[in-house]
Amino acid sequence: MNALSRKVILVALGLIFFNCTAAEYDPVANQVDYLKKELKLSDEQAAHVKQIISTAQQQAKEVRELNRGNFQAMEEAGQERRAQTDRQIEMLLEADQKAKFEEILARRAEFDERTLRLADQLGLTDDQAEQIDRIHRESREKFETMRESGGDRRAIMQEMRKFREESDKKVEAVLSDEQIKLYRKLQEERRDQMRERGDREGRGGRDGQRRRQW
């Protein structure tokens, strides 16, 4: 076997390994493992919880596809879905498990919507979610200060873009390698949706101007 053939084989094996590694990460399993440890779930309880969360994740995917670019609709659907999921899980628990679960829910109630959405999508532990929530709150306060500054709009947009990139790096520092890959994929999907929304609004504005001209 010559050097070129060996190189081709190594590259192919590397790609196979990368794809398998990426496919192995399961946010649902990560959430179930966390709850199983925190609540001391039995195997049977954990299996039911996995089914509940898997169904909720599938519903979330369908809602995202149905409401692409409509972030308010996705947020409202997400809140309702999480409340329903929490009720279903609570019905499976014993008294001492319910008390611990209520503590977990009380902590999560302090998180903003972006953090809760990422917790669902990435299978965050509460420790990860708490760190990311602080980053999100810091970002929101910074953006509000920038908007209220009244400076040059282009300069403000550039500064906001730079700060957003820094915030993304801070978030990634909290995540595992597998979560980072999924996080970047979700960020790209969100940017695509925002571009689609901007295009639709732009076309609507142009169409409205044409109608007014007629």
C-alpha atoms as a PDB file:
ATOM      1  CA  MET A   1       0.000   0.000   0.000  1.00  0.00           C
ATOM      2  CA  ASN A   2       1.500   3.331  -1.021  1.00  0.00           C
ATOM      3  CA  ALA A   3       1.552   6.519   1.069  1.00  0.00           C
ATOM      4  CA  LEU A   4      -1.341   8.115  -0.840  1.00  0.00           C
ATOM      5  CA  SER A   5      -3.607   5.108  -0.256  1.00  0.00           C
ATOM      6  CA  ARG A   6      -2.791   5.096   3.448  1.00  0.00           C
ATOM      7  CA  LYS A   7      -3.570   8.831   3.646  1.00  0.00           C
ATOM      8  CA  VAL A   8      -6.930   8.362   1.917  1.00  0.00           C
ATOM      9  CA  ILE A   9      -7.859   5.530   4.280  1.00  0.00           C
ATOM     10  CA  LEU A  10      -6.881   7.555   7.351  1.00  0.00           C
ATOM     11  CA  VAL A  11      -8.944  10.539   6.197  1.00  0.00           C
ATOM     12  CA  ALA A  12     -11.947   8.269   5.551  1.00  0.00           C
ATOM     13  CA  LEU A  13     -11.625   6.657   8.978  1.00  0.00           C
ATOM     14  CA  GLY A  14     -11.366  10.096  10.558  1.00  0.00           C
ATOM     15  CA  LEU A  15     -14.584  11.216   8.875  1.00  0.00           C
ATOM     16  CA  ILE A  16     -16.375   8.052   9.968  1.00  0.00           C
ATOM     17  CA  PHE A  17     -15.199   8.552  13.544  1.00  0.00           C
ATOM     18  CA  PHE A  18     -16.266  12.219  13.506  1.00  0.00           C
ATOM     19  CA  ASN A  19     -19.738  11.420  12.170  1.00  0.00           C
ATOM     20  CA  CYS A  20     -20.246   8.610  14.658  1.00  0.00           C
ATOM     21  CA  THR A  21     -19.117  10.826  17.535  1.00  0.00           C
ATOM     22  CA  ALA A  22     -21.461  13.623  16.473  1.00  0.00           C
ATOM     23  CA  ALA A  23     -24.354  11.193  16.076  1.00  0.00           C
ATOM     24  CA  GLU A  24     -23.771   9.625  19.499  1.00  0.00           C
ATOM     25  CA  TYR A  25     -24.634  12.771  21.463  1.00  0.00           C
ATOM     26  CA  ASP A  26     -28.264  12.719  22.560  1.00  0.00           C
ATOM     27  CA  PRO A  27     -29.617  15.778  24.462  1.00  0.00           C
ATOM     28  CA  VAL A  28     -32.608  13.750  25.656  1.00  0.00           C
ATOM     29  CA  ALA A  29     -30.369  11.087  27.166  1.00  0.00           C
ATOM     30  CA  ASN A  30     -28.305  13.823  28.807  1.00  0.00           C
ATOM     31  CA  GLN A  31     -31.409  15.297  30.456  1.00  0.00           C
ATOM     32  CA  VAL A  32     -32.655  11.891  31.564  1.00  0.00           C
ATOM     33  CA  ASP A  33     -29.258  10.968  33.045  1.00  0.00           C
ATOM     34  CA  TYR A  34     -29.226  14.255  34.976  1.00  0.00           C
ATOM     35  CA  LEU A  35     -32.754  13.772  36.358  1.00  0.00           C
ATOM     36  CA  LYS A  36     -32.074  10.109  37.147  1.00  0.00           C
ATOM     37  CA  LYS A  37     -29.082  11.124  39.246  1.00  0.00           C
ATOM     38  CA  GLU A  38     -30.731  14.140  40.931  1.00  0.00           C
ATOM     39  CA  LEU A  39     -34.084  12.464  41.643  1.00  0.00           C
ATOM     40  CA  LYS A  40     -32.771   8.931  42.144  1.00  0.00           C
ATOM     41  CA  LEU A  41     -35.136   7.569  39.511  1.00  0.00           C
ATOM     42  CA  SER A  42     -35.668   3.854  39.061  1.00  0.00           C
ATOM     43  CA  ASP A  43     -34.910   2.381  35.650  1.00  0.00           C
ATOM     44  CA  GLU A  44     -38.648   2.181  34.958  1.00  0.00           C
ATOM     45  CA  GLN A  45     -39.177   5.823  35.922  1.00  0.00           C
ATOM     46  CA  ALA A  46     -36.208   6.883  33.797  1.00  0.00           C
ATOM     47  CA  ALA A  47     -37.645   5.037  30.790  1.00  0.00           C
ATOM     48  CA  HIS A  48     -40.967   6.877  31.176  1.00  0.00           C
ATOM     49  CA  VAL A  49     -39.188  10.230  31.600  1.00  0.00           C
ATOM     50  CA  LYS A  50     -37.178   9.564  28.453  1.00  0.00           C
ATOM     51  CA  GLN A  51     -40.383   8.936  26.498  1.00  0.00           C
ATOM     52  CA  ILE A  52     -41.954  12.145  27.833  1.00  0.00           C
ATOM     53  CA  ILE A  53     -38.936  14.281  26.981  1.00  0.00           C
ATOM     54  CA  SER A  54     -38.481  12.630  23.574  1.00  0.00           C
ATOM     55  CA  THR A  55     -42.098  13.425  22.686  1.00  0.00           C
ATOM     56  CA  ALA A  56     -41.644  17.019  23.858  1.00  0.00           C
ATOM     57  CA  GLN A  57     -38.494  17.386  21.736  1.00  0.00           C
ATOM     58  CA  GLN A  58     -40.311  16.104  18.665  1.00  0.00           C
ATOM     59  CA  GLN A  59     -43.146  18.552  19.305  1.00  0.00           C
ATOM     60  CA  ALA A  60     -40.607  21.359  19.659  1.00  0.00           C
ATOM     61  CA  LYS A  61     -39.079  20.464  16.305  1.00  0.00           C
ATOM     62  CA  GLU A  62     -42.499  20.517  14.639  1.00  0.00           C
ATOM     63  CA  VAL A  63     -43.295  23.910  16.184  1.00  0.00           C
ATOM     64  CA  ARG A  64     -39.987  25.361  14.973  1.00  0.00           C
ATOM     65  CA  GLU A  65     -40.712  24.184  11.440  1.00  0.00           C
ATOM     66  CA  LEU A  66     -44.276  25.481  11.551  1.00  0.00           C
ATOM     67  CA  ASN A  67     -43.310  28.899  12.957  1.00  0.00           C
ATOM     68  CA  ARG A  68     -39.981  29.564  11.257  1.00  0.00           C
ATOM     69  CA  GLY A  69     -38.942  33.130  12.054  1.00  0.00           C
ATOM     70  CA  ASN A  70     -41.912  33.733  14.407  1.00  0.00           C
ATOM     71  CA  PHE A  71     -39.938  33.728  17.644  1.00  0.00           C
ATOM     72  CA  GLN A  72     -42.832  34.907  19.816  1.00  0.00           C
ATOM     73  CA  ALA A  73     -44.996  31.956  18.736  1.00  0.00           C
ATOM     74  CA  MET A  74     -42.108  29.544  19.388  1.00  0.00           C
ATOM     75  CA  GLU A  75     -41.529  31.075  22.824  1.00  0.00           C
ATOM     76  CA  GLU A  76     -45.182  30.754  23.844  1.00  0.00           C
ATOM     77  CA  ALA A  77     -45.338  27.176  22.559  1.00  0.00           C
ATOM     78  CA  GLY A  78     -42.117  26.364  24.418  1.00  0.00           C
ATOM     79  CA  GLN A  79     -43.494  27.646  27.726  1.00  0.00           C
ATOM     80  CA  GLU A  80     -46.674  25.610  27.361  1.00  0.00           C
ATOM     81  CA  ARG A  81     -44.758  22.494  26.307  1.00  0.00           C
ATOM     82  CA  ARG A  82     -42.339  22.710  29.253  1.00  0.00           C
ATOM     83  CA  ALA A  83     -45.202  23.135  31.725  1.00  0.00           C
ATOM     84  CA  GLN A  84     -46.929  20.065  30.302  1.00  0.00           C
ATOM     85  CA  THR A  85     -43.690  18.044  30.350  1.00  0.00           C
ATOM     86  CA  ASP A  86     -43.018  18.997  33.973  1.00  0.00           C
ATOM     87  CA  ARG A  87     -46.544  17.926  34.993  1.00  0.00           C
ATOM     88  CA  GLN A  88     -46.158  14.571  33.246  1.00  0.00           C
ATOM     89  CA  ILE A  89     -42.811  13.915  34.923  1.00  0.00           C
ATOM     90  CA  GLU A  90     -44.126  14.929  38.336  1.00  0.00           C
ATOM     91  CA  MET A  91     -46.936  12.383  38.069  1.00  0.00           C
ATOM     92  CA  LEU A  92     -44.310   9.611  37.935  1.00  0.00           C
ATOM     93  CA  LEU A  93     -42.525  10.652  41.130  1.00  0.00           C
ATOM     94  CA  GLU A  94     -42.711   9.610  44.759  1.00  0.00           C
ATOM     95  CA  ALA A  95     -43.176  12.248  47.480  1.00  0.00           C
ATOM     96  CA  ASP A  96     -39.466  12.737  48.218  1.00  0.00           C
ATOM     97  CA  GLN A  97     -38.663  12.848  44.491  1.00  0.00           C
ATOM     98  CA  LYS A  98     -41.381  15.464  43.932  1.00  0.00           C
ATOM     99  CA  ALA A  99     -39.865  17.697  46.611  1.00  0.00           C
ATOM    100  CA  LYS A 100     -36.469  17.545  44.881  1.00  0.00           C
ATOM    101  CA  PHE A 101     -38.063  18.085  41.472  1.00  0.00           C
ATOM    102  CA  GLU A 102     -39.833  21.192  42.770  1.00  0.00           C
ATOM    103  CA  GLU A 103     -36.444  22.539  43.872  1.00  0.00           C
ATOM    104  CA  ILE A 104     -35.114  21.996  40.347  1.00  0.00           C
ATOM    105  CA  LEU A 105     -38.149  23.724  38.824  1.00  0.00           C
ATOM    106  CA  ALA A 106     -37.783  26.650  41.232  1.00  0.00           C
ATOM    107  CA  ARG A 107     -34.200  27.198  40.040  1.00  0.00           C
ATOM    108  CA  ARG A 108     -35.259  26.938  36.416  1.00  0.00           C
ATOM    109  CA  ALA A 109     -38.024  29.501  36.972  1.00  0.00           C
ATOM    110  CA  GLU A 110     -35.271  32.124  37.366  1.00  0.00           C
ATOM    111  CA  PHE A 111     -33.833  31.415  33.909  1.00  0.00           C
ATOM    112  CA  ASP A 112     -34.734  33.552  30.913  1.00  0.00           C
ATOM    113  CA  GLU A 113     -36.422  32.070  27.836  1.00  0.00           C
ATOM    114  CA  ARG A 114     -33.212  31.728  25.802  1.00  0.00           C
ATOM    115  CA  THR A 115     -31.587  29.694  28.573  1.00  0.00           C
ATOM    116  CA  LEU A 116     -34.612  27.408  28.899  1.00  0.00           C
ATOM    117  CA  ARG A 117     -34.686  26.869  25.136  1.00  0.00           C
ATOM    118  CA  LEU A 118     -31.004  25.908  25.105  1.00  0.00           C
ATOM    119  CA  ALA A 119     -31.500  23.657  28.125  1.00  0.00           C
ATOM    120  CA  ASP A 120     -34.077  21.728  26.094  1.00  0.00           C
ATOM    121  CA  GLN A 121     -32.084  21.671  22.869  1.00  0.00           C
ATOM    122  CA  LEU A 122     -28.663  20.848  24.344  1.00  0.00           C
ATOM    123  CA  GLY A 123     -29.661  18.778  27.366  1.00  0.00           C
ATOM    124  CA  LEU A 124     -28.005  21.176  29.822  1.00  0.00           C
ATOM    125  CA  THR A 125     -27.511  20.343  33.459  1.00  0.00           C
ATOM    126  CA  ASP A 126     -28.811  22.986  35.866  1.00  0.00           C
ATOM    127  CA  ASP A 127     -25.222  24.002  36.662  1.00  0.00           C
ATOM    128  CA  GLN A 128     -24.581  24.668  32.975  1.00  0.00           C
ATOM    129  CA  ALA A 129     -27.916  26.484  32.636  1.00  0.00           C
ATOM    130  CA  GLU A 130     -27.132  28.754  35.598  1.00  0.00           C
ATOM    131  CA  GLN A 131     -23.795  29.777  34.086  1.00  0.00           C
ATOM    132  CA  ILE A 132     -25.309  30.361  30.651  1.00  0.00           C
ATOM    133  CA  ASP A 133     -28.210  32.315  32.131  1.00  0.00           C
ATOM    134  CA  ARG A 134     -25.747  34.751  33.711  1.00  0.00           C
ATOM    135  CA  ILE A 135     -24.094  35.196  30.305  1.00  0.00           C
ATOM    136  CA  HIS A 136     -27.476  35.819  28.650  1.00  0.00           C
ATOM    137  CA  ARG A 137     -28.501  38.393  31.268  1.00  0.00           C
ATOM    138  CA  GLU A 138     -25.181  40.189  30.929  1.00  0.00           C
ATOM    139  CA  SER A 139     -25.651  40.240  27.143  1.00  0.00           C
ATOM    140  CA  ARG A 140     -29.177  41.618  27.373  1.00  0.00           C
ATOM    141  CA  GLU A 141     -28.116  44.398  29.746  1.00  0.00           C
ATOM    142  CA  LYS A 142     -25.197  45.278  27.471  1.00  0.00           C
ATOM    143  CA  PHE A 143     -27.407  45.391  24.364  1.00  0.00           C
ATOM    144  CA  GLU A 144     -29.969  47.607  26.115  1.00  0.00           C
ATOM    145  CA  THR A 145     -27.223  50.009  27.182  1.00  0.00           C
ATOM    146  CA  MET A 146     -25.902  50.144  23.614  1.00  0.00           C
ATOM    147  CA  ARG A 147     -29.343  50.839  22.152  1.00  0.00           C
ATOM    148  CA  GLU A 148     -29.994  53.629  24.640  1.00  0.00           C
ATOM    149  CA  SER A 149     -26.612  55.277  24.032  1.00  0.00           C
ATOM    150  CA  GLY A 150     -27.886  57.186  20.985  1.00  0.00           C
ATOM    151  CA  GLY A 151     -24.561  56.881  19.144  1.00  0.00           C
ATOM    152  CA  ASP A 152     -23.826  56.116  15.517  1.00  0.00           C
ATOM    153  CA  ARG A 153     -26.102  53.249  14.466  1.00  0.00           C
ATOM    154  CA  ARG A 154     -23.519  51.470  12.327  1.00  0.00           C
ATOM    155  CA  ALA A 155     -20.893  51.653  15.072  1.00  0.00           C
ATOM    156  CA  ILE A 156     -23.414  50.341  17.618  1.00  0.00           C
ATOM    157  CA  MET A 157     -24.320  47.408  15.338  1.00  0.00           C
ATOM    158  CA  GLN A 158     -20.651  46.513  14.908  1.00  0.00           C
ATOM    159  CA  GLU A 159     -20.088  46.678  18.659  1.00  0.00           C
ATOM    160  CA  MET A 160     -23.165  44.518  19.313  1.00  0.00           C
ATOM    161  CA  ARG A 161     -21.979  41.947  16.783  1.00  0.00           C
ATOM    162  CA  LYS A 162     -18.568  41.814  18.456  1.00  0.00           C
ATOM    163  CA  PHE A 163     -20.120  41.419  21.913  1.00  0.00           C
ATOM    164  CA  ARG A 164     -22.461  38.680  20.630  1.00  0.00           C
ATOM    165  CA  GLU A 165     -19.459  36.732  19.334  1.00  0.00           C
ATOM    166  CA  GLU A 166     -17.765  37.099  22.725  1.00  0.00           C
ATOM    167  CA  SER A 167     -20.936  35.885  24.450  1.00  0.00           C
ATOM    168  CA  ASP A 168     -21.073  32.835  22.168  1.00  0.00           C
ATOM    169  CA  LYS A 169     -17.499  31.983  23.161  1.00  0.00           C
ATOM    170  CA  LYS A 170     -18.425  32.266  26.841  1.00  0.00           C
ATOM    171  CA  VAL A 171     -21.389  29.950  26.312  1.00  0.00           C
ATOM    172  CA  GLU A 172     -19.245  27.420  24.459  1.00  0.00           C
ATOM    173  CA  ALA A 173     -16.757  27.427  27.355  1.00  0.00           C
ATOM    174  CA  VAL A 174     -19.541  25.970  29.535  1.00  0.00           C
ATOM    175  CA  LEU A 175     -20.485  23.225  27.061  1.00  0.00           C
ATOM    176  CA  SER A 176     -19.047  19.815  26.242  1.00  0.00           C
ATOM    177  CA  ASP A 177     -17.498  19.244  22.810  1.00  0.00           C
ATOM    178  CA  GLU A 178     -20.649  17.467  21.610  1.00  0.00           C
ATOM    179  CA  GLN A 179     -22.881  20.272  22.880  1.00  0.00           C
ATOM    180  CA  ILE A 180     -20.705  22.880  21.148  1.00  0.00           C
ATOM    181  CA  LYS A 181     -21.244  21.183  17.777  1.00  0.00           C
ATOM    182  CA  LEU A 182     -25.004  21.178  18.291  1.00  0.00           C
ATOM    183  CA  TYR A 183     -24.974  24.759  19.634  1.00  0.00           C
ATOM    184  CA  ARG A 184     -23.215  26.026  16.517  1.00  0.00           C
ATOM    185  CA  LYS A 185     -25.688  24.185  14.310  1.00  0.00           C
ATOM    186  CA  LEU A 186     -28.624  25.729  16.199  1.00  0.00           C
ATOM    187  CA  GLN A 187     -27.076  29.204  15.985  1.00  0.00           C
ATOM    188  CA  GLU A 188     -26.709  28.862  12.219  1.00  0.00           C
ATOM    189  CA  GLU A 189     -30.322  27.709  11.898  1.00  0.00           C
ATOM    190  CA  ARG A 190     -31.470  30.711  13.946  1.00  0.00           C
ATOM    191  CA  ARG A 191     -29.475  33.100  11.737  1.00  0.00           C
ATOM    192  CA  ASP A 192     -31.059  31.511   8.650  1.00  0.00           C
ATOM    193  CA  GLN A 193     -34.526  32.028  10.141  1.00  0.00           C
ATOM    194  CA  MET A 194     -33.757  35.664  10.927  1.00  0.00           C
ATOM    195  CA  ARG A 195     -32.551  36.216   7.359  1.00  0.00           C
ATOM    196  CA  GLU A 196     -35.722  34.589   6.008  1.00  0.00           C
ATOM    197  CA  ARG A 197     -37.839  36.778   8.269  1.00  0.00           C
ATOM    198  CA  GLY A 198     -35.971  39.885   7.134  1.00  0.00           C
ATOM    199  CA  ASP A 199     -36.447  38.912   3.486  1.00  0.00           C
ATOM    200  CA  ARG A 200     -40.182  38.388   4.000  1.00  0.00           C
ATOM    201  CA  GLU A 201     -40.573  41.709   5.786  1.00  0.00           C
ATOM    202  CA  GLY A 202     -38.545  43.424   3.077  1.00  0.00           C
ATOM    203  CA  ARG A 203     -40.699  41.937   0.344  1.00  0.00           C
ATOM    204  CA  GLY A 204     -43.838  42.863   2.262  1.00  0.00           C
ATOM    205  CA  GLY A 205     -42.655  46.451   2.537  1.00  0.00           C
ATOM    206  CA  ARG A 206     -41.889  46.656  -1.174  1.00  0.00           C
ATOM    207  CA  ASP A 207     -45.219  45.053  -2.081  1.00  0.00           C
ATOM    208  CA  GLY A 208     -47.003  47.511   0.199  1.00  0.00           C
ATOM    209  CA  GLN A 209     -45.299  50.435  -1.520  1.00  0.00           C
ATOM    210  CA  ARG A 210     -46.370  49.107  -4.921  1.00  0.00           C
ATOM    211  CA  ARG A 211     -49.966  48.773  -3.734  1.00  0.00           C
ATOM    212  CA  ARG A 212     -49.941  52.331  -2.408  1.00  0.00           C
ATOM    213  CA  GLN A 213     -48.547  53.564  -5.705  1.00  0.00           C
ATOM    214  CA  TRP A 214     -51.423  51.870  -7.556  1.00  0.00           C
END
